[in-house]
Amino acid sequence: MNYKNASEIKNDIEKFLNKNLGRNMKSKKAHKIGTKTSKIFINDDLTKQEREIDAQIRKRVGEERSKSRKVRNGYHKTVY
């Protein structure tokens, strides 16, 4: 797609998110990166405490993996 300005990109991104995620989401800003980019990144809105908890969980998962255990981490949890 050829875009003339950032507002066209922003509108298309919002339409895409509304259609595919089924939620009315607004983007703060959008810009084109390269000519063949099709990736969309959505940052998680976590509080400082939630980020600290996730960091502790990731550290624990890393320790368990170094012990050759099969471990996954999810949202505020560790799955063995």
N, C-alpha and C. Protein backbone atom coordinates (compact mmCIF):
# COMPACT_ATOMS: atom_id res chain seq x y z
N MET A 1 0.83 -1.18 0.00
CA MET A 1 0.00 0.00 0.00
C MET A 1 0.88 1.24 0.00
N ASN A 2 0.45 2.21 -0.72
CA ASN A 2 1.18 3.48 -0.76
C ASN A 2 0.44 4.49 0.11
N TYR A 3 1.13 4.99 1.12
CA TYR A 3 0.54 5.96 2.03
C TYR A 3 1.16 7.32 1.78
N LYS A 4 0.32 8.34 1.87
CA LYS A 4 0.81 9.69 1.66
C LYS A 4 1.22 10.34 2.98
N ASN A 5 0.53 9.98 4.07
CA ASN A 5 0.89 10.59 5.36
C ASN A 5 0.63 9.60 6.50
N ALA A 6 1.07 9.99 7.69
CA ALA A 6 0.99 9.12 8.86
C ALA A 6 -0.45 8.87 9.30
N SER A 7 -1.35 9.81 9.05
CA SER A 7 -2.73 9.62 9.49
C SER A 7 -3.41 8.48 8.72
N GLU A 8 -3.05 8.29 7.45
CA GLU A 8 -3.60 7.17 6.69
C GLU A 8 -3.11 5.84 7.25
N ILE A 9 -1.84 5.78 7.62
CA ILE A 9 -1.29 4.56 8.22
C ILE A 9 -1.99 4.28 9.54
N LYS A 10 -2.14 5.31 10.35
CA LYS A 10 -2.78 5.17 11.66
C LYS A 10 -4.22 4.67 11.50
N ASN A 11 -4.97 5.21 10.56
CA ASN A 11 -6.35 4.78 10.34
C ASN A 11 -6.42 3.33 9.91
N ASP A 12 -5.53 2.93 8.99
CA ASP A 12 -5.52 1.54 8.54
C ASP A 12 -5.15 0.58 9.67
N ILE A 13 -4.20 0.96 10.51
CA ILE A 13 -3.81 0.12 11.64
C ILE A 13 -4.99 -0.03 12.60
N GLU A 14 -5.67 1.04 12.90
CA GLU A 14 -6.82 0.98 13.81
C GLU A 14 -7.93 0.10 13.23
N LYS A 15 -8.20 0.21 11.94
CA LYS A 15 -9.21 -0.64 11.29
C LYS A 15 -8.80 -2.10 11.37
N PHE A 16 -7.51 -2.38 11.11
CA PHE A 16 -7.01 -3.75 11.17
C PHE A 16 -7.17 -4.34 12.57
N LEU A 17 -6.80 -3.58 13.60
CA LEU A 17 -6.91 -4.06 14.98
C LEU A 17 -8.36 -4.27 15.38
N ASN A 18 -9.23 -3.36 14.99
CA ASN A 18 -10.65 -3.50 15.32
C ASN A 18 -11.24 -4.74 14.65
N LYS A 19 -10.88 -4.98 13.40
CA LYS A 19 -11.42 -6.12 12.65
C LYS A 19 -10.89 -7.44 13.18
N ASN A 20 -9.57 -7.54 13.38
CA ASN A 20 -8.96 -8.81 13.72
C ASN A 20 -8.97 -9.13 15.22
N LEU A 21 -8.98 -8.12 16.07
CA LEU A 21 -9.00 -8.37 17.51
C LEU A 21 -10.39 -8.18 18.11
N GLY A 22 -11.27 -7.58 17.35
CA GLY A 22 -12.64 -7.37 17.83
C GLY A 22 -12.73 -6.36 18.95
N ARG A 23 -11.75 -5.47 19.04
CA ARG A 23 -11.76 -4.45 20.08
C ARG A 23 -11.54 -3.09 19.44
N ASN A 24 -12.17 -2.09 20.01
CA ASN A 24 -12.01 -0.73 19.53
C ASN A 24 -10.74 -0.15 20.14
N MET A 25 -9.65 -0.21 19.40
CA MET A 25 -8.36 0.24 19.90
C MET A 25 -7.92 1.48 19.13
N LYS A 26 -7.32 2.40 19.83
CA LYS A 26 -6.78 3.61 19.22
C LYS A 26 -5.25 3.56 19.32
N SER A 27 -4.58 3.95 18.25
CA SER A 27 -3.13 3.99 18.28
C SER A 27 -2.66 5.42 18.50
N LYS A 28 -1.56 5.55 19.24
CA LYS A 28 -1.01 6.88 19.49
C LYS A 28 -0.33 7.42 18.25
N LYS A 29 0.48 6.57 17.63
CA LYS A 29 1.15 6.99 16.41
C LYS A 29 1.50 5.76 15.58
N ALA A 30 1.69 5.95 14.31
CA ALA A 30 2.04 4.86 13.40
C ALA A 30 2.91 5.41 12.30
N HIS A 31 3.86 4.59 11.87
CA HIS A 31 4.69 4.99 10.75
C HIS A 31 5.15 3.76 9.99
N LYS A 32 5.45 3.96 8.74
CA LYS A 32 5.85 2.89 7.85
C LYS A 32 7.34 2.60 8.03
N ILE A 33 7.65 1.31 8.12
CA ILE A 33 9.04 0.89 8.26
C ILE A 33 9.38 0.02 7.05
N GLY A 34 10.16 0.51 6.14
CA GLY A 34 10.55 -0.26 4.97
C GLY A 34 9.40 -0.43 3.99
N THR A 35 9.61 -1.34 3.03
CA THR A 35 8.62 -1.52 1.98
C THR A 35 7.81 -2.79 2.13
N LYS A 36 8.34 -3.79 2.84
CA LYS A 36 7.65 -5.07 2.94
C LYS A 36 7.38 -5.46 4.39
N THR A 37 7.10 -4.52 5.23
CA THR A 37 6.87 -4.80 6.64
C THR A 37 5.41 -5.16 6.88
N SER A 38 5.18 -6.25 7.58
CA SER A 38 3.81 -6.63 7.90
C SER A 38 3.67 -7.04 9.36
N LYS A 39 4.65 -6.72 10.19
CA LYS A 39 4.61 -7.08 11.60
C LYS A 39 3.99 -5.95 12.41
N ILE A 40 3.20 -6.33 13.41
CA ILE A 40 2.59 -5.38 14.31
C ILE A 40 2.97 -5.78 15.72
N PHE A 41 3.46 -4.85 16.50
CA PHE A 41 3.85 -5.11 17.87
C PHE A 41 2.91 -4.37 18.81
N ILE A 42 2.42 -5.08 19.80
CA ILE A 42 1.54 -4.48 20.80
C ILE A 42 2.24 -4.62 22.14
N ASN A 43 2.55 -3.51 22.78
CA ASN A 43 3.22 -3.55 24.06
C ASN A 43 2.21 -3.84 25.17
N ASP A 44 2.61 -4.67 26.11
CA ASP A 44 1.75 -4.95 27.25
C ASP A 44 1.79 -3.76 28.20
N ASP A 45 0.64 -3.41 28.70
CA ASP A 45 0.58 -2.35 29.71
C ASP A 45 0.62 -3.00 31.07
N LEU A 46 1.80 -3.08 31.64
CA LEU A 46 1.97 -3.69 32.95
C LEU A 46 2.44 -2.63 33.93
N THR A 47 1.99 -2.77 35.17
CA THR A 47 2.46 -1.86 36.21
C THR A 47 3.89 -2.24 36.57
N LYS A 48 4.54 -1.39 37.33
CA LYS A 48 5.92 -1.66 37.75
C LYS A 48 5.98 -2.94 38.55
N GLN A 49 5.02 -3.16 39.43
CA GLN A 49 4.99 -4.37 40.25
C GLN A 49 4.81 -5.62 39.37
N GLU A 50 3.94 -5.55 38.37
CA GLU A 50 3.73 -6.69 37.47
C GLU A 50 4.99 -7.00 36.67
N ARG A 51 5.70 -5.96 36.23
CA ARG A 51 6.95 -6.18 35.49
C ARG A 51 8.00 -6.83 36.39
N GLU A 52 8.05 -6.42 37.66
CA GLU A 52 9.00 -7.03 38.60
C GLU A 52 8.66 -8.50 38.84
N ILE A 53 7.39 -8.81 38.96
CA ILE A 53 6.97 -10.20 39.15
C ILE A 53 7.35 -11.03 37.93
N ASP A 54 7.08 -10.50 36.74
CA ASP A 54 7.44 -11.23 35.51
C ASP A 54 8.95 -11.43 35.41
N ALA A 55 9.75 -10.44 35.84
CA ALA A 55 11.20 -10.59 35.81
C ALA A 55 11.65 -11.71 36.74
N GLN A 56 11.04 -11.80 37.93
CA GLN A 56 11.37 -12.88 38.87
C GLN A 56 10.99 -14.24 38.29
N ILE A 57 9.85 -14.29 37.63
CA ILE A 57 9.40 -15.56 37.03
C ILE A 57 10.35 -15.96 35.90
N ARG A 58 10.74 -15.01 35.05
CA ARG A 58 11.68 -15.33 33.97
C ARG A 58 13.02 -15.82 34.52
N LYS A 59 13.47 -15.21 35.62
CA LYS A 59 14.72 -15.64 36.26
C LYS A 59 14.59 -17.07 36.77
N ARG A 60 13.47 -17.37 37.42
CA ARG A 60 13.23 -18.72 37.95
C ARG A 60 13.15 -19.75 36.82
N VAL A 61 12.48 -19.40 35.73
CA VAL A 61 12.38 -20.30 34.59
C VAL A 61 13.76 -20.58 34.01
N GLY A 62 14.60 -19.54 33.93
CA GLY A 62 15.97 -19.72 33.43
C GLY A 62 16.77 -20.66 34.31
N GLU A 63 16.61 -20.53 35.63
CA GLU A 63 17.30 -21.42 36.57
C GLU A 63 16.84 -22.86 36.39
N GLU A 64 15.54 -23.06 36.22
CA GLU A 64 15.01 -24.41 36.06
C GLU A 64 15.46 -25.02 34.73
N ARG A 65 15.52 -24.20 33.69
CA ARG A 65 15.98 -24.71 32.39
C ARG A 65 17.45 -25.09 32.44
N SER A 66 18.24 -24.34 33.23
CA SER A 66 19.66 -24.70 33.36
C SER A 66 19.83 -26.04 34.07
N LYS A 67 18.81 -26.47 34.81
CA LYS A 67 18.81 -27.78 35.45
C LYS A 67 18.21 -28.85 34.54
N SER A 68 18.07 -28.50 33.26
CA SER A 68 17.54 -29.40 32.22
C SER A 68 16.08 -29.79 32.46
N ARG A 69 15.33 -28.93 33.08
CA ARG A 69 13.90 -29.17 33.24
C ARG A 69 13.14 -28.48 32.12
N LYS A 70 12.04 -29.09 31.73
CA LYS A 70 11.20 -28.52 30.69
C LYS A 70 10.19 -27.59 31.37
N VAL A 71 10.37 -26.29 31.19
CA VAL A 71 9.57 -25.29 31.90
C VAL A 71 9.09 -24.23 30.92
N ARG A 72 7.85 -23.75 31.13
CA ARG A 72 7.30 -22.64 30.37
C ARG A 72 6.86 -21.57 31.34
N ASN A 73 6.82 -20.34 30.88
CA ASN A 73 6.27 -19.30 31.72
C ASN A 73 5.11 -18.64 31.00
N GLY A 74 4.11 -18.27 31.77
CA GLY A 74 2.93 -17.61 31.23
C GLY A 74 2.72 -16.31 31.99
N TYR A 75 1.53 -15.81 31.94
CA TYR A 75 1.20 -14.56 32.62
C TYR A 75 1.15 -14.82 34.12
N HIS A 76 2.14 -14.36 34.84
CA HIS A 76 2.27 -14.50 36.30
C HIS A 76 2.26 -15.95 36.76
N LYS A 77 2.84 -16.87 35.98
CA LYS A 77 2.90 -18.25 36.42
C LYS A 77 4.02 -18.99 35.71
N THR A 78 4.42 -20.09 36.35
CA THR A 78 5.41 -21.00 35.80
C THR A 78 4.75 -22.35 35.65
N VAL A 79 4.91 -22.98 34.50
CA VAL A 79 4.28 -24.27 34.23
C VAL A 79 5.38 -25.30 34.04
N TYR A 80 5.33 -26.35 34.85
CA TYR A 80 6.32 -27.43 34.75
C TYR A 80 5.79 -28.54 33.89
